[in-house]
Amino acid sequence: MLKKRFKRSEIQRILQDYKNGLTIQTIIRENGISQATFYNWRAKYGSHSSFDHSLYINKLKEENDRLKRMYADLSLENMMLKSQLERRD
């Protein structure tokens, strides 16, 4: 059987289907997952707080990466300006 990675949004949708009243058997059949996988996801992502926390962490990581790139660009620009000033002197 081929293993498939599910995105967090897909896992959240699957768990929301369960909360909306779909049976576990229907959910695992439609999504091609095992019953153990469903229960593991429910334990890990079942509470909104843990899922929201992981989304918050991901947003912080993205923001951190953006700031690092911005710092690198500004630092390169600063170095170029300094070298141009040294050439003029």
C-alpha atoms as a PDB file:
ATOM      1  CA  MET A   1       0.000   0.000   0.000  1.00  0.00           C
ATOM      2  CA  LEU A   2       1.260   3.463  -0.905  1.00  0.00           C
ATOM      3  CA  LYS A   3       1.837   5.832   2.016  1.00  0.00           C
ATOM      4  CA  LYS A   4       0.403   9.305   1.596  1.00  0.00           C
ATOM      5  CA  ARG A   5       1.258  12.394   3.565  1.00  0.00           C
ATOM      6  CA  PHE A   6      -1.734  14.448   4.560  1.00  0.00           C
ATOM      7  CA  LYS A   7      -1.523  18.200   5.065  1.00  0.00           C
ATOM      8  CA  ARG A   8      -2.711  19.644   8.336  1.00  0.00           C
ATOM      9  CA  SER A   9      -5.690  21.214   6.609  1.00  0.00           C
ATOM     10  CA  GLU A  10      -6.710  17.801   5.244  1.00  0.00           C
ATOM     11  CA  ILE A  11      -6.390  16.226   8.688  1.00  0.00           C
ATOM     12  CA  GLN A  12      -8.462  19.032  10.165  1.00  0.00           C
ATOM     13  CA  ARG A  13     -11.152  18.490   7.498  1.00  0.00           C
ATOM     14  CA  ILE A  14     -11.233  14.756   8.236  1.00  0.00           C
ATOM     15  CA  LEU A  15     -11.587  15.352  11.964  1.00  0.00           C
ATOM     16  CA  GLN A  16     -14.280  17.958  11.298  1.00  0.00           C
ATOM     17  CA  ASP A  17     -16.204  15.378   9.252  1.00  0.00           C
ATOM     18  CA  TYR A  18     -16.100  13.095  12.296  1.00  0.00           C
ATOM     19  CA  LYS A  19     -17.374  15.888  14.536  1.00  0.00           C
ATOM     20  CA  ASN A  20     -20.177  16.555  12.029  1.00  0.00           C
ATOM     21  CA  GLY A  21     -21.426  13.007  12.486  1.00  0.00           C
ATOM     22  CA  LEU A  22     -19.814  10.822   9.827  1.00  0.00           C
ATOM     23  CA  THR A  23     -18.920   7.363  11.050  1.00  0.00           C
ATOM     24  CA  ILE A  24     -15.301   6.363  11.453  1.00  0.00           C
ATOM     25  CA  GLN A  25     -15.701   3.536   8.944  1.00  0.00           C
ATOM     26  CA  THR A  26     -16.992   5.954   6.299  1.00  0.00           C
ATOM     27  CA  ILE A  27     -14.178   8.412   6.941  1.00  0.00           C
ATOM     28  CA  ILE A  28     -11.373   5.842   6.742  1.00  0.00           C
ATOM     29  CA  ARG A  29     -12.852   4.299   3.590  1.00  0.00           C
ATOM     30  CA  GLU A  30     -13.277   7.651   1.802  1.00  0.00           C
ATOM     31  CA  ASN A  31      -9.808   8.914   2.722  1.00  0.00           C
ATOM     32  CA  GLY A  32      -7.883   5.666   2.435  1.00  0.00           C
ATOM     33  CA  ILE A  33      -6.473   5.697   5.955  1.00  0.00           C
ATOM     34  CA  SER A  34      -6.347   3.045   8.642  1.00  0.00           C
ATOM     35  CA  GLN A  35      -8.413   3.123  11.778  1.00  0.00           C
ATOM     36  CA  ALA A  36      -5.222   3.446  13.839  1.00  0.00           C
ATOM     37  CA  THR A  37      -4.184   6.498  11.820  1.00  0.00           C
ATOM     38  CA  PHE A  38      -7.547   8.126  12.445  1.00  0.00           C
ATOM     39  CA  TYR A  39      -7.308   7.519  16.197  1.00  0.00           C
ATOM     40  CA  ASN A  40      -3.722   8.811  16.278  1.00  0.00           C
ATOM     41  CA  TRP A  41      -4.780  11.980  14.465  1.00  0.00           C
ATOM     42  CA  ARG A  42      -7.739  12.426  16.789  1.00  0.00           C
ATOM     43  CA  ALA A  43      -5.456  12.106  19.807  1.00  0.00           C
ATOM     44  CA  LYS A  44      -2.838  14.454  18.370  1.00  0.00           C
ATOM     45  CA  TYR A  45      -4.982  17.056  16.598  1.00  0.00           C
ATOM     46  CA  GLY A  46      -8.381  16.478  18.176  1.00  0.00           C
ATOM     47  CA  SER A  47      -8.344  19.470  20.451  1.00  0.00           C
ATOM     48  CA  HIS A  48      -8.438  22.767  18.629  1.00  0.00           C
ATOM     49  CA  SER A  49      -5.877  24.265  20.967  1.00  0.00           C
ATOM     50  CA  SER A  50      -3.084  21.873  19.955  1.00  0.00           C
ATOM     51  CA  PHE A  51      -3.908  22.280  16.275  1.00  0.00           C
ATOM     52  CA  ASP A  52      -4.129  26.067  16.586  1.00  0.00           C
ATOM     53  CA  HIS A  53      -0.838  26.050  18.474  1.00  0.00           C
ATOM     54  CA  SER A  54       0.906  24.151  15.677  1.00  0.00           C
ATOM     55  CA  LEU A  55      -0.548  26.582  13.100  1.00  0.00           C
ATOM     56  CA  TYR A  56       0.710  29.480  15.217  1.00  0.00           C
ATOM     57  CA  ILE A  57       4.190  27.927  15.366  1.00  0.00           C
ATOM     58  CA  ASN A  58       4.209  27.474  11.575  1.00  0.00           C
ATOM     59  CA  LYS A  59       3.205  31.104  11.055  1.00  0.00           C
ATOM     60  CA  LEU A  60       5.999  32.208  13.377  1.00  0.00           C
ATOM     61  CA  LYS A  61       8.514  30.094  11.449  1.00  0.00           C
ATOM     62  CA  GLU A  62       7.388  31.634   8.163  1.00  0.00           C
ATOM     63  CA  GLU A  63       7.653  35.135   9.634  1.00  0.00           C
ATOM     64  CA  ASN A  64      11.112  34.329  10.988  1.00  0.00           C
ATOM     65  CA  ASP A  65      12.265  33.103   7.560  1.00  0.00           C
ATOM     66  CA  ARG A  66      10.894  36.261   5.932  1.00  0.00           C
ATOM     67  CA  LEU A  67      12.720  38.459   8.432  1.00  0.00           C
ATOM     68  CA  LYS A  68      15.969  36.536   7.940  1.00  0.00           C
ATOM     69  CA  ARG A  69      15.767  37.037   4.174  1.00  0.00           C
ATOM     70  CA  MET A  70      14.994  40.723   4.675  1.00  0.00           C
ATOM     71  CA  TYR A  71      17.996  41.090   7.010  1.00  0.00           C
ATOM     72  CA  ALA A  72      20.268  39.328   4.517  1.00  0.00           C
ATOM     73  CA  ASP A  73      19.142  41.627   1.708  1.00  0.00           C
ATOM     74  CA  LEU A  74      19.659  44.748   3.805  1.00  0.00           C
ATOM     75  CA  SER A  75      23.024  43.557   5.024  1.00  0.00           C
ATOM     76  CA  LEU A  76      24.220  42.954   1.445  1.00  0.00           C
ATOM     77  CA  GLU A  77      22.959  46.367   0.408  1.00  0.00           C
ATOM     78  CA  ASN A  78      24.772  47.941   3.362  1.00  0.00           C
ATOM     79  CA  MET A  79      28.018  46.188   2.425  1.00  0.00           C
ATOM     80  CA  MET A  80      27.731  47.395  -1.179  1.00  0.00           C
ATOM     81  CA  LEU A  81      27.145  50.986  -0.055  1.00  0.00           C
ATOM     82  CA  LYS A  82      30.135  50.845   2.296  1.00  0.00           C
ATOM     83  CA  SER A  83      32.368  49.513  -0.469  1.00  0.00           C
ATOM     84  CA  GLN A  84      31.195  52.289  -2.802  1.00  0.00           C
ATOM     85  CA  LEU A  85      31.973  54.897  -0.143  1.00  0.00           C
ATOM     86  CA  GLU A  86      35.440  53.457   0.368  1.00  0.00           C
ATOM     87  CA  ARG A  87      36.128  53.630  -3.377  1.00  0.00           C
ATOM     88  CA  ARG A  88      35.160  57.301  -3.502  1.00  0.00           C
ATOM     89  CA  ASP A  89      37.554  58.279  -0.712  1.00  0.00           C
END
